[in-house]
Amino acid sequence: MIRYNLNKLLGERNLKISKVFVDTGISRSTLTKIVNNQSSMVQTETIDKLCQYLKVDVKDFFEYIPLDVKINVVPNVIETSGRDKNNPLLDIDIFVDFRDTLNDRVDKFELWLCSDKIYANIFKKSNTNNIFDGIEQSPFDKDYALLNLYLPDELIEYISKVTNNNYGFTLDIRLMIEEHIEKCLNKNHVTFDNVLIDNLGF
């Protein structure tokens, strides 16, 4: 995994995105995407400009951990008919594979998202953790719904270990899992205002 180190570089210098935008002319949206590691294609001219501005070598602009992460989300049952639209029945398998690219070793985790306790007890899967932690609705907006997820301790410990407790990489893995689940739900016409894994230490 390769990630941009801009967030850390700005923090070390007490710089805000707005200041960098004014000083460099790089758009705020581009800077925000780089800071949040949401852009896979940054022009070399932009990287060059940022390295000059921050007075760093290009190698300091990137971080690398020899880890490849693959996530596969498989919906078994997604049922909305006859149910509250903010409380669908979800039965989804999530497979997370981590490949150590230096040692060519693969570690696999299987997660289960099941939103109904009775259904979960009937169809319980052995050696698989249910990561469902509830659906939260806003007291101010009855249409706002947040899907809360909770990763098992062994996966959190594994992520901390393989990333050397690197906050940025841990955040990237969390976002990857959340995004894959959101895409699966959207494909099946289930939309939450947010999908949040809330136990990764931030």
N, C-alpha and C. Protein backbone atom coordinates (compact mmCIF):
# COMPACT_ATOMS: atom_id res chain seq x y z
N MET A 1 0.84 -1.18 0.00
CA MET A 1 0.00 0.00 0.00
C MET A 1 0.88 1.24 0.00
N ILE A 2 0.54 2.16 -0.86
CA ILE A 2 1.22 3.45 -0.91
C ILE A 2 0.20 4.52 -0.56
N ARG A 3 0.60 5.45 0.27
CA ARG A 3 -0.31 6.55 0.62
C ARG A 3 0.47 7.85 0.63
N TYR A 4 -0.25 8.93 0.43
CA TYR A 4 0.35 10.26 0.50
C TYR A 4 0.57 10.62 1.96
N ASN A 5 1.64 11.33 2.20
CA ASN A 5 2.03 11.71 3.55
C ASN A 5 1.71 13.17 3.84
N LEU A 6 0.88 13.79 2.99
CA LEU A 6 0.66 15.24 3.07
C LEU A 6 0.02 15.64 4.40
N ASN A 7 -0.92 14.88 4.90
CA ASN A 7 -1.57 15.21 6.16
C ASN A 7 -0.54 15.36 7.28
N LYS A 8 0.37 14.41 7.36
CA LYS A 8 1.42 14.44 8.39
C LYS A 8 2.36 15.62 8.16
N LEU A 9 2.75 15.86 6.92
CA LEU A 9 3.66 16.96 6.60
C LEU A 9 3.05 18.32 6.96
N LEU A 10 1.77 18.49 6.68
CA LEU A 10 1.09 19.75 7.03
C LEU A 10 0.99 19.90 8.55
N GLY A 11 0.65 18.80 9.23
CA GLY A 11 0.54 18.83 10.69
C GLY A 11 1.85 19.22 11.36
N GLU A 12 2.96 18.67 10.86
CA GLU A 12 4.28 18.98 11.43
C GLU A 12 4.62 20.46 11.28
N ARG A 13 4.05 21.10 10.27
CA ARG A 13 4.35 22.50 9.98
C ARG A 13 3.22 23.46 10.40
N ASN A 14 2.21 22.91 11.07
CA ASN A 14 1.05 23.71 11.47
C ASN A 14 0.43 24.46 10.30
N LEU A 15 0.35 23.79 9.16
CA LEU A 15 -0.21 24.41 7.95
C LEU A 15 -1.62 23.91 7.71
N LYS A 16 -2.49 24.80 7.27
CA LYS A 16 -3.86 24.46 6.89
C LYS A 16 -3.95 24.39 5.38
N ILE A 17 -4.92 23.63 4.88
CA ILE A 17 -5.13 23.51 3.44
C ILE A 17 -5.35 24.88 2.80
N SER A 18 -6.08 25.76 3.49
CA SER A 18 -6.37 27.09 2.92
C SER A 18 -5.09 27.88 2.69
N LYS A 19 -4.13 27.76 3.58
CA LYS A 19 -2.83 28.46 3.42
C LYS A 19 -2.06 27.88 2.25
N VAL A 20 -2.02 26.56 2.13
CA VAL A 20 -1.30 25.90 1.03
C VAL A 20 -1.94 26.29 -0.31
N PHE A 21 -3.27 26.33 -0.34
CA PHE A 21 -3.98 26.75 -1.55
C PHE A 21 -3.57 28.16 -1.97
N VAL A 22 -3.56 29.10 -1.02
CA VAL A 22 -3.19 30.49 -1.32
C VAL A 22 -1.74 30.57 -1.80
N ASP A 23 -0.84 29.84 -1.12
CA ASP A 23 0.59 29.93 -1.43
C ASP A 23 0.98 29.21 -2.72
N THR A 24 0.28 28.12 -3.06
CA THR A 24 0.71 27.29 -4.20
C THR A 24 -0.21 27.39 -5.41
N GLY A 25 -1.47 27.76 -5.18
CA GLY A 25 -2.44 27.78 -6.28
C GLY A 25 -3.04 26.41 -6.58
N ILE A 26 -2.66 25.40 -5.83
CA ILE A 26 -3.25 24.07 -5.99
C ILE A 26 -4.66 24.12 -5.40
N SER A 27 -5.64 23.64 -6.14
CA SER A 27 -7.03 23.77 -5.70
C SER A 27 -7.27 23.08 -4.35
N ARG A 28 -8.22 23.65 -3.59
CA ARG A 28 -8.57 23.08 -2.28
C ARG A 28 -9.07 21.65 -2.43
N SER A 29 -9.87 21.39 -3.47
CA SER A 29 -10.41 20.03 -3.64
C SER A 29 -9.29 19.03 -3.88
N THR A 30 -8.29 19.41 -4.67
CA THR A 30 -7.15 18.51 -4.91
C THR A 30 -6.38 18.28 -3.62
N LEU A 31 -6.11 19.36 -2.88
CA LEU A 31 -5.38 19.23 -1.62
C LEU A 31 -6.14 18.36 -0.62
N THR A 32 -7.45 18.54 -0.54
CA THR A 32 -8.27 17.75 0.38
C THR A 32 -8.21 16.27 0.02
N LYS A 33 -8.30 15.98 -1.28
CA LYS A 33 -8.23 14.57 -1.72
C LYS A 33 -6.88 13.96 -1.39
N ILE A 34 -5.81 14.71 -1.56
CA ILE A 34 -4.47 14.19 -1.26
C ILE A 34 -4.33 13.99 0.25
N VAL A 35 -4.76 14.97 1.05
CA VAL A 35 -4.67 14.86 2.51
C VAL A 35 -5.43 13.64 3.01
N ASN A 36 -6.61 13.37 2.41
CA ASN A 36 -7.44 12.25 2.84
C ASN A 36 -7.15 10.95 2.08
N ASN A 37 -6.11 10.95 1.25
CA ASN A 37 -5.72 9.78 0.46
C ASN A 37 -6.88 9.24 -0.35
N GLN A 38 -7.63 10.13 -0.97
CA GLN A 38 -8.77 9.74 -1.79
C GLN A 38 -8.51 9.93 -3.27
N SER A 39 -7.28 10.26 -3.62
CA SER A 39 -6.96 10.48 -5.03
C SER A 39 -5.84 9.53 -5.43
N SER A 40 -6.10 8.70 -6.45
CA SER A 40 -5.07 7.77 -6.89
C SER A 40 -4.24 8.35 -8.03
N MET A 41 -4.70 9.46 -8.60
CA MET A 41 -3.96 10.04 -9.72
C MET A 41 -3.68 11.52 -9.46
N VAL A 42 -2.51 11.79 -8.89
CA VAL A 42 -2.09 13.16 -8.66
C VAL A 42 -0.99 13.46 -9.68
N GLN A 43 -1.12 14.58 -10.35
CA GLN A 43 -0.14 14.94 -11.37
C GLN A 43 1.23 15.15 -10.75
N THR A 44 2.26 14.75 -11.47
CA THR A 44 3.63 14.92 -10.96
C THR A 44 3.95 16.40 -10.74
N GLU A 45 3.37 17.27 -11.53
CA GLU A 45 3.56 18.71 -11.35
C GLU A 45 3.05 19.16 -9.97
N THR A 46 1.92 18.59 -9.54
CA THR A 46 1.36 18.93 -8.23
C THR A 46 2.27 18.42 -7.12
N ILE A 47 2.75 17.19 -7.26
CA ILE A 47 3.66 16.62 -6.24
C ILE A 47 4.94 17.44 -6.18
N ASP A 48 5.46 17.81 -7.34
CA ASP A 48 6.68 18.62 -7.41
C ASP A 48 6.47 19.96 -6.69
N LYS A 49 5.35 20.60 -6.96
CA LYS A 49 5.04 21.91 -6.35
C LYS A 49 4.93 21.78 -4.83
N LEU A 50 4.28 20.70 -4.36
CA LEU A 50 4.14 20.50 -2.92
C LEU A 50 5.48 20.18 -2.26
N CYS A 51 6.30 19.37 -2.91
CA CYS A 51 7.62 19.06 -2.35
C CYS A 51 8.48 20.31 -2.24
N GLN A 52 8.43 21.18 -3.27
CA GLN A 52 9.19 22.43 -3.21
C GLN A 52 8.65 23.32 -2.10
N TYR A 53 7.34 23.43 -2.02
CA TYR A 53 6.71 24.29 -1.01
C TYR A 53 7.04 23.83 0.41
N LEU A 54 6.99 22.51 0.63
CA LEU A 54 7.23 21.95 1.96
C LEU A 54 8.71 21.70 2.24
N LYS A 55 9.54 21.87 1.19
CA LYS A 55 10.98 21.62 1.29
C LYS A 55 11.27 20.19 1.74
N VAL A 56 10.64 19.23 1.04
CA VAL A 56 10.86 17.81 1.33
C VAL A 56 11.24 17.08 0.05
N ASP A 57 11.89 15.95 0.22
CA ASP A 57 12.21 15.07 -0.89
C ASP A 57 10.94 14.31 -1.27
N VAL A 58 10.85 13.90 -2.51
CA VAL A 58 9.65 13.18 -2.97
C VAL A 58 9.44 11.90 -2.15
N LYS A 59 10.51 11.27 -1.67
CA LYS A 59 10.36 10.05 -0.86
C LYS A 59 9.66 10.34 0.47
N ASP A 60 9.75 11.60 0.94
CA ASP A 60 9.06 11.97 2.18
C ASP A 60 7.58 12.24 1.96
N PHE A 61 7.20 12.38 0.69
CA PHE A 61 5.82 12.69 0.34
C PHE A 61 4.94 11.44 0.37
N PHE A 62 5.58 10.27 0.31
CA PHE A 62 4.85 8.99 0.27
C PHE A 62 5.23 8.12 1.46
N GLU A 63 4.31 7.24 1.83
CA GLU A 63 4.58 6.18 2.80
C GLU A 63 4.27 4.86 2.12
N TYR A 64 5.01 3.82 2.50
CA TYR A 64 4.78 2.51 1.88
C TYR A 64 4.80 1.43 2.95
N ILE A 65 3.80 0.57 2.89
CA ILE A 65 3.79 -0.66 3.69
C ILE A 65 3.57 -1.80 2.71
N PRO A 66 4.43 -2.83 2.75
CA PRO A 66 4.32 -3.93 1.77
C PRO A 66 3.11 -4.83 2.04
N LEU A 67 1.94 -4.27 1.82
CA LEU A 67 0.70 -4.96 2.12
C LEU A 67 -0.31 -4.68 1.02
N ASP A 68 -0.91 -5.72 0.51
CA ASP A 68 -1.97 -5.59 -0.50
C ASP A 68 -3.27 -6.05 0.15
N VAL A 69 -4.31 -5.21 0.09
CA VAL A 69 -5.57 -5.53 0.74
C VAL A 69 -6.64 -5.75 -0.32
N LYS A 70 -7.31 -6.89 -0.26
CA LYS A 70 -8.43 -7.20 -1.16
C LYS A 70 -9.68 -7.41 -0.31
N ILE A 71 -10.76 -6.77 -0.72
CA ILE A 71 -12.03 -6.90 0.01
C ILE A 71 -13.10 -7.34 -0.96
N ASN A 72 -13.84 -8.37 -0.57
CA ASN A 72 -14.94 -8.87 -1.39
C ASN A 72 -16.19 -8.91 -0.51
N VAL A 73 -17.23 -8.24 -0.97
CA VAL A 73 -18.49 -8.17 -0.22
C VAL A 73 -19.55 -8.95 -0.99
N VAL A 74 -20.13 -9.96 -0.35
CA VAL A 74 -21.09 -10.84 -1.01
C VAL A 74 -22.44 -10.77 -0.29
N PRO A 75 -23.45 -10.19 -0.96
CA PRO A 75 -24.78 -10.13 -0.32
C PRO A 75 -25.48 -11.49 -0.40
N ASN A 76 -25.94 -12.01 0.73
CA ASN A 76 -26.72 -13.24 0.75
C ASN A 76 -28.20 -12.88 0.68
N VAL A 77 -28.63 -12.01 1.60
CA VAL A 77 -30.02 -11.53 1.63
C VAL A 77 -30.00 -10.05 1.97
N ILE A 78 -30.67 -9.27 1.14
CA ILE A 78 -30.91 -7.86 1.46
C ILE A 78 -32.40 -7.64 1.20
N GLU A 79 -33.16 -7.52 2.28
CA GLU A 79 -34.62 -7.48 2.18
C GLU A 79 -35.15 -6.18 2.77
N THR A 80 -35.92 -5.46 1.96
CA THR A 80 -36.49 -4.20 2.43
C THR A 80 -38.02 -4.23 2.47
N SER A 81 -38.65 -5.09 1.68
CA SER A 81 -40.12 -5.08 1.62
C SER A 81 -40.72 -5.53 2.95
N GLY A 82 -41.75 -4.80 3.36
CA GLY A 82 -42.43 -5.12 4.62
C GLY A 82 -41.66 -4.68 5.84
N ARG A 83 -40.56 -3.95 5.65
CA ARG A 83 -39.74 -3.50 6.78
C ARG A 83 -39.60 -1.99 6.74
N ASP A 84 -39.29 -1.40 7.87
CA ASP A 84 -38.99 0.03 7.93
C ASP A 84 -37.83 0.29 6.98
N LYS A 85 -37.93 1.36 6.15
CA LYS A 85 -36.90 1.61 5.14
C LYS A 85 -35.52 1.85 5.75
N ASN A 86 -35.47 2.29 7.01
CA ASN A 86 -34.18 2.48 7.68
C ASN A 86 -33.76 1.26 8.50
N ASN A 87 -34.46 0.15 8.31
CA ASN A 87 -34.13 -1.06 9.07
C ASN A 87 -34.29 -2.31 8.19
N PRO A 88 -33.52 -2.39 7.10
CA PRO A 88 -33.64 -3.57 6.22
C PRO A 88 -32.99 -4.79 6.86
N LEU A 89 -33.37 -5.96 6.36
CA LEU A 89 -32.68 -7.19 6.75
C LEU A 89 -31.43 -7.29 5.89
N LEU A 90 -30.28 -7.33 6.54
CA LEU A 90 -29.01 -7.44 5.83
C LEU A 90 -28.33 -8.73 6.25
N ASP A 91 -27.91 -9.52 5.29
CA ASP A 91 -27.12 -10.72 5.52
C ASP A 91 -26.01 -10.69 4.47
N ILE A 92 -24.85 -10.22 4.88
CA ILE A 92 -23.76 -9.96 3.93
C ILE A 92 -22.46 -10.58 4.46
N ASP A 93 -21.76 -11.30 3.59
CA ASP A 93 -20.43 -11.82 3.93
C ASP A 93 -19.38 -10.83 3.43
N ILE A 94 -18.36 -10.61 4.25
CA ILE A 94 -17.26 -9.72 3.88
C ILE A 94 -15.97 -10.49 4.05
N PHE A 95 -15.22 -10.60 2.97
CA PHE A 95 -13.94 -11.31 2.98
C PHE A 95 -12.82 -10.29 2.82
N VAL A 96 -11.91 -10.27 3.80
CA VAL A 96 -10.80 -9.32 3.76
C VAL A 96 -9.50 -10.13 3.74
N ASP A 97 -8.74 -9.98 2.65
CA ASP A 97 -7.47 -10.68 2.50
C ASP A 97 -6.32 -9.68 2.54
N PHE A 98 -5.33 -9.96 3.37
CA PHE A 98 -4.13 -9.15 3.46
C PHE A 98 -2.97 -9.98 2.92
N ARG A 99 -2.29 -9.45 1.90
CA ARG A 99 -1.13 -10.17 1.35
C ARG A 99 0.13 -9.38 1.66
N ASP A 100 1.02 -10.00 2.41
CA ASP A 100 2.33 -9.44 2.70
C ASP A 100 3.15 -9.62 1.43
N THR A 101 3.43 -8.52 0.73
CA THR A 101 4.08 -8.61 -0.58
C THR A 101 5.56 -8.95 -0.48
N LEU A 102 6.16 -8.76 0.69
CA LEU A 102 7.57 -9.13 0.85
C LEU A 102 7.74 -10.63 1.07
N ASN A 103 6.84 -11.20 1.86
CA ASN A 103 6.96 -12.63 2.20
C ASN A 103 5.95 -13.50 1.46
N ASP A 104 5.15 -12.88 0.61
CA ASP A 104 4.13 -13.57 -0.17
C ASP A 104 3.26 -14.46 0.73
N ARG A 105 2.82 -13.87 1.83
CA ARG A 105 1.96 -14.56 2.79
C ARG A 105 0.59 -13.90 2.77
N VAL A 106 -0.47 -14.69 2.86
CA VAL A 106 -1.83 -14.15 2.85
C VAL A 106 -2.53 -14.51 4.16
N ASP A 107 -3.11 -13.50 4.78
CA ASP A 107 -3.94 -13.70 5.97
C ASP A 107 -5.36 -13.32 5.61
N LYS A 108 -6.31 -14.20 5.95
CA LYS A 108 -7.71 -14.01 5.53
C LYS A 108 -8.61 -13.84 6.75
N PHE A 109 -9.58 -12.92 6.60
CA PHE A 109 -10.58 -12.71 7.63
C PHE A 109 -11.95 -12.76 6.97
N GLU A 110 -12.87 -13.46 7.62
CA GLU A 110 -14.25 -13.50 7.12
C GLU A 110 -15.14 -12.84 8.16
N LEU A 111 -15.88 -11.84 7.70
CA LEU A 111 -16.80 -11.10 8.57
C LEU A 111 -18.22 -11.33 8.09
N TRP A 112 -19.15 -11.08 8.97
CA TRP A 112 -20.57 -11.25 8.63
C TRP A 112 -21.33 -10.05 9.13
N LEU A 113 -22.15 -9.47 8.28
CA LEU A 113 -23.01 -8.34 8.66
C LEU A 113 -24.44 -8.84 8.61
N CYS A 114 -25.04 -9.03 9.78
CA CYS A 114 -26.43 -9.47 9.85
C CYS A 114 -27.17 -8.53 10.79
N SER A 115 -28.20 -7.86 10.26
CA SER A 115 -28.87 -6.79 11.00
C SER A 115 -30.06 -7.24 11.85
N ASP A 116 -30.37 -8.52 11.83
CA ASP A 116 -31.55 -9.01 12.55
C ASP A 116 -31.10 -10.08 13.55
N LYS A 117 -31.32 -9.85 14.85
CA LYS A 117 -30.83 -10.77 15.88
C LYS A 117 -31.45 -12.15 15.77
N ILE A 118 -32.74 -12.23 15.50
CA ILE A 118 -33.41 -13.54 15.38
C ILE A 118 -32.84 -14.30 14.18
N TYR A 119 -32.74 -13.63 13.05
CA TYR A 119 -32.17 -14.23 11.83
C TYR A 119 -30.72 -14.67 12.10
N ALA A 120 -29.96 -13.81 12.80
CA ALA A 120 -28.56 -14.11 13.09
C ALA A 120 -28.43 -15.36 13.96
N ASN A 121 -29.36 -15.54 14.92
CA ASN A 121 -29.30 -16.73 15.79
C ASN A 121 -29.64 -18.00 15.01
N ILE A 122 -30.57 -17.89 14.07
CA ILE A 122 -30.97 -19.06 13.28
C ILE A 122 -29.87 -19.46 12.30
N PHE A 123 -29.29 -18.48 11.63
CA PHE A 123 -28.32 -18.75 10.56
C PHE A 123 -26.87 -18.49 10.98
N LYS A 124 -26.61 -18.52 12.27
CA LYS A 124 -25.27 -18.21 12.79
C LYS A 124 -24.20 -19.01 12.07
N LYS A 125 -23.12 -18.31 11.73
CA LYS A 125 -22.00 -18.94 11.02
C LYS A 125 -20.88 -19.20 12.01
N SER A 126 -20.33 -20.40 11.98
CA SER A 126 -19.26 -20.73 12.91
C SER A 126 -17.98 -19.98 12.52
N ASN A 127 -17.23 -19.59 13.52
CA ASN A 127 -15.95 -18.90 13.35
C ASN A 127 -16.06 -17.60 12.55
N THR A 128 -17.24 -16.99 12.53
CA THR A 128 -17.42 -15.73 11.81
C THR A 128 -18.10 -14.74 12.74
N ASN A 129 -17.54 -13.55 12.83
CA ASN A 129 -18.08 -12.52 13.72
C ASN A 129 -19.11 -11.67 13.00
N ASN A 130 -20.23 -11.41 13.68
CA ASN A 130 -21.22 -10.48 13.16
C ASN A 130 -20.76 -9.07 13.52
N ILE A 131 -20.53 -8.23 12.52
CA ILE A 131 -19.99 -6.90 12.76
C ILE A 131 -21.08 -5.83 12.90
N PHE A 132 -22.35 -6.24 12.86
CA PHE A 132 -23.46 -5.28 12.98
C PHE A 132 -23.50 -4.73 14.40
N ASP A 133 -23.55 -3.39 14.51
CA ASP A 133 -23.58 -2.75 15.82
C ASP A 133 -24.81 -1.85 15.99
N GLY A 134 -25.69 -1.84 15.01
CA GLY A 134 -26.93 -1.08 15.14
C GLY A 134 -27.12 -0.06 14.03
N ILE A 135 -28.37 0.37 13.92
CA ILE A 135 -28.73 1.44 12.99
C ILE A 135 -29.19 2.61 13.84
N GLU A 136 -28.53 3.73 13.66
CA GLU A 136 -28.80 4.90 14.47
C GLU A 136 -29.55 5.93 13.62
N GLN A 137 -30.63 6.44 14.17
CA GLN A 137 -31.39 7.45 13.45
C GLN A 137 -31.28 8.78 14.18
N SER A 138 -31.22 9.86 13.40
CA SER A 138 -31.09 11.19 13.97
C SER A 138 -32.39 11.60 14.65
N PRO A 139 -32.31 12.18 15.85
CA PRO A 139 -33.52 12.68 16.51
C PRO A 139 -34.09 13.91 15.79
N PHE A 140 -33.26 14.52 14.94
CA PHE A 140 -33.67 15.75 14.24
C PHE A 140 -34.17 15.48 12.83
N ASP A 141 -33.81 14.31 12.26
CA ASP A 141 -34.19 14.02 10.87
C ASP A 141 -34.52 12.54 10.78
N LYS A 142 -35.82 12.22 10.70
CA LYS A 142 -36.24 10.81 10.72
C LYS A 142 -35.75 10.03 9.50
N ASP A 143 -35.33 10.75 8.44
CA ASP A 143 -34.83 10.07 7.24
C ASP A 143 -33.33 9.79 7.29
N TYR A 144 -32.63 10.33 8.32
CA TYR A 144 -31.19 10.13 8.43
C TYR A 144 -30.92 8.82 9.16
N ALA A 145 -30.13 7.95 8.55
CA ALA A 145 -29.80 6.66 9.20
C ALA A 145 -28.31 6.37 9.05
N LEU A 146 -27.71 5.93 10.13
CA LEU A 146 -26.29 5.61 10.18
C LEU A 146 -26.15 4.12 10.50
N LEU A 147 -25.44 3.39 9.65
CA LEU A 147 -25.18 1.96 9.88
C LEU A 147 -23.87 1.85 10.64
N ASN A 148 -23.94 1.44 11.91
CA ASN A 148 -22.74 1.28 12.74
C ASN A 148 -22.23 -0.16 12.66
N LEU A 149 -20.93 -0.29 12.47
CA LEU A 149 -20.29 -1.59 12.40
C LEU A 149 -19.19 -1.65 13.45
N TYR A 150 -18.85 -2.86 13.85
CA TYR A 150 -17.86 -3.06 14.91
C TYR A 150 -16.95 -4.21 14.51
N LEU A 151 -15.69 -3.93 14.23
CA LEU A 151 -14.78 -4.99 13.79
C LEU A 151 -14.32 -5.83 14.98
N PRO A 152 -14.10 -7.12 14.75
CA PRO A 152 -13.64 -7.99 15.85
C PRO A 152 -12.23 -7.62 16.30
N ASP A 153 -11.95 -7.85 17.59
CA ASP A 153 -10.65 -7.48 18.17
C ASP A 153 -9.48 -8.07 17.42
N GLU A 154 -9.61 -9.33 16.99
CA GLU A 154 -8.46 -9.96 16.32
C GLU A 154 -8.11 -9.27 15.00
N LEU A 155 -9.11 -8.72 14.31
CA LEU A 155 -8.83 -7.99 13.07
C LEU A 155 -8.19 -6.64 13.39
N ILE A 156 -8.69 -5.96 14.42
CA ILE A 156 -8.10 -4.68 14.81
C ILE A 156 -6.64 -4.87 15.24
N GLU A 157 -6.38 -5.91 16.03
CA GLU A 157 -5.01 -6.19 16.46
C GLU A 157 -4.12 -6.51 15.27
N TYR A 158 -4.65 -7.27 14.31
CA TYR A 158 -3.88 -7.60 13.11
C TYR A 158 -3.54 -6.34 12.32
N ILE A 159 -4.54 -5.46 12.11
CA ILE A 159 -4.32 -4.22 11.34
C ILE A 159 -3.26 -3.37 12.04
N SER A 160 -3.34 -3.25 13.37
CA SER A 160 -2.35 -2.47 14.12
C SER A 160 -0.96 -3.05 13.94
N LYS A 161 -0.88 -4.38 13.99
CA LYS A 161 0.42 -5.06 13.88
C LYS A 161 1.03 -4.86 12.49
N VAL A 162 0.25 -5.13 11.44
CA VAL A 162 0.84 -5.06 10.09
C VAL A 162 1.11 -3.64 9.62
N THR A 163 0.45 -2.65 10.24
CA THR A 163 0.70 -1.25 9.85
C THR A 163 1.61 -0.56 10.86
N ASN A 164 2.16 -1.31 11.81
CA ASN A 164 3.01 -0.74 12.87
C ASN A 164 2.31 0.42 13.57
N ASN A 165 1.02 0.23 13.86
CA ASN A 165 0.19 1.25 14.52
C ASN A 165 0.17 2.57 13.75
N ASN A 166 0.31 2.48 12.44
CA ASN A 166 0.29 3.67 11.59
C ASN A 166 -1.15 4.13 11.41
N TYR A 167 -1.47 5.28 11.99
CA TYR A 167 -2.83 5.80 11.96
C TYR A 167 -3.37 5.94 10.54
N GLY A 168 -2.55 6.46 9.64
CA GLY A 168 -2.99 6.70 8.26
C GLY A 168 -3.38 5.42 7.54
N PHE A 169 -2.56 4.39 7.67
CA PHE A 169 -2.88 3.12 7.01
C PHE A 169 -4.09 2.45 7.65
N THR A 170 -4.20 2.55 8.96
CA THR A 170 -5.37 1.99 9.64
C THR A 170 -6.63 2.67 9.15
N LEU A 171 -6.59 3.98 9.02
CA LEU A 171 -7.73 4.74 8.50
C LEU A 171 -8.06 4.32 7.07
N ASP A 172 -7.03 4.13 6.24
CA ASP A 172 -7.25 3.70 4.85
C ASP A 172 -7.98 2.36 4.79
N ILE A 173 -7.57 1.41 5.63
CA ILE A 173 -8.19 0.08 5.62
C ILE A 173 -9.65 0.19 6.09
N ARG A 174 -9.87 0.98 7.13
CA ARG A 174 -11.24 1.20 7.61
C ARG A 174 -12.11 1.78 6.50
N LEU A 175 -11.62 2.82 5.80
CA LEU A 175 -12.39 3.44 4.72
C LEU A 175 -12.66 2.46 3.58
N MET A 176 -11.67 1.61 3.27
CA MET A 176 -11.85 0.61 2.21
C MET A 176 -13.01 -0.33 2.53
N ILE A 177 -13.04 -0.82 3.77
CA ILE A 177 -14.10 -1.75 4.18
C ILE A 177 -15.46 -1.05 4.12
N GLU A 178 -15.51 0.19 4.67
CA GLU A 178 -16.77 0.95 4.66
C GLU A 178 -17.26 1.19 3.23
N GLU A 179 -16.34 1.59 2.34
CA GLU A 179 -16.73 1.88 0.94
C GLU A 179 -17.24 0.63 0.22
N HIS A 180 -16.60 -0.51 0.44
CA HIS A 180 -17.05 -1.75 -0.22
C HIS A 180 -18.45 -2.14 0.26
N ILE A 181 -18.71 -1.97 1.54
CA ILE A 181 -20.04 -2.28 2.07
C ILE A 181 -21.08 -1.31 1.50
N GLU A 182 -20.74 -0.02 1.46
CA GLU A 182 -21.66 0.98 0.88
C GLU A 182 -21.99 0.66 -0.57
N LYS A 183 -20.98 0.30 -1.35
CA LYS A 183 -21.22 -0.03 -2.78
C LYS A 183 -22.16 -1.22 -2.91
N CYS A 184 -21.95 -2.24 -2.08
CA CYS A 184 -22.82 -3.41 -2.11
C CYS A 184 -24.26 -3.02 -1.77
N LEU A 185 -24.44 -2.21 -0.75
CA LEU A 185 -25.78 -1.79 -0.34
C LEU A 185 -26.44 -0.95 -1.43
N ASN A 186 -25.67 -0.01 -2.00
CA ASN A 186 -26.22 0.84 -3.06
C ASN A 186 -26.65 0.03 -4.28
N LYS A 187 -25.86 -0.98 -4.63
CA LYS A 187 -26.23 -1.86 -5.77
C LYS A 187 -27.54 -2.56 -5.53
N ASN A 188 -27.83 -2.78 -4.25
CA ASN A 188 -29.07 -3.48 -3.87
C ASN A 188 -30.14 -2.50 -3.38
N HIS A 189 -29.98 -1.24 -3.75
CA HIS A 189 -30.98 -0.19 -3.49
C HIS A 189 -31.24 0.04 -2.01
N VAL A 190 -30.20 -0.13 -1.19
CA VAL A 190 -30.29 0.20 0.23
C VAL A 190 -29.27 1.30 0.48
N THR A 191 -29.74 2.42 1.00
CA THR A 191 -28.84 3.55 1.19
C THR A 191 -28.91 4.04 2.62
N PHE A 192 -27.74 4.12 3.24
CA PHE A 192 -27.61 4.75 4.54
C PHE A 192 -26.88 6.07 4.32
N ASP A 193 -27.13 7.04 5.18
CA ASP A 193 -26.44 8.32 5.06
C ASP A 193 -24.96 8.17 5.37
N ASN A 194 -24.64 7.14 6.14
CA ASN A 194 -23.24 6.89 6.46
C ASN A 194 -23.10 5.44 6.92
N VAL A 195 -21.97 4.82 6.56
CA VAL A 195 -21.59 3.51 7.08
C VAL A 195 -20.33 3.76 7.88
N LEU A 196 -20.35 3.41 9.16
CA LEU A 196 -19.24 3.77 10.03
C LEU A 196 -18.75 2.60 10.87
N ILE A 197 -17.46 2.30 10.74
CA ILE A 197 -16.81 1.35 11.64
C ILE A 197 -16.31 2.19 12.80
N ASP A 198 -16.89 2.01 13.97
CA ASP A 198 -16.63 2.96 15.06
C ASP A 198 -15.72 2.44 16.16
N ASN A 199 -14.94 1.39 15.90
CA ASN A 199 -14.08 0.90 16.99
C ASN A 199 -12.64 0.71 16.52
N LEU A 200 -12.16 1.60 15.66
CA LEU A 200 -10.76 1.50 15.25
C LEU A 200 -9.91 2.58 15.93
N GLY A 201 -10.38 3.06 17.05
CA GLY A 201 -9.53 3.96 17.85
C GLY A 201 -9.61 5.42 17.48
N PHE A 202 -10.59 5.82 16.67
CA PHE A 202 -10.77 7.25 16.34
C PHE A 202 -12.19 7.49 15.94
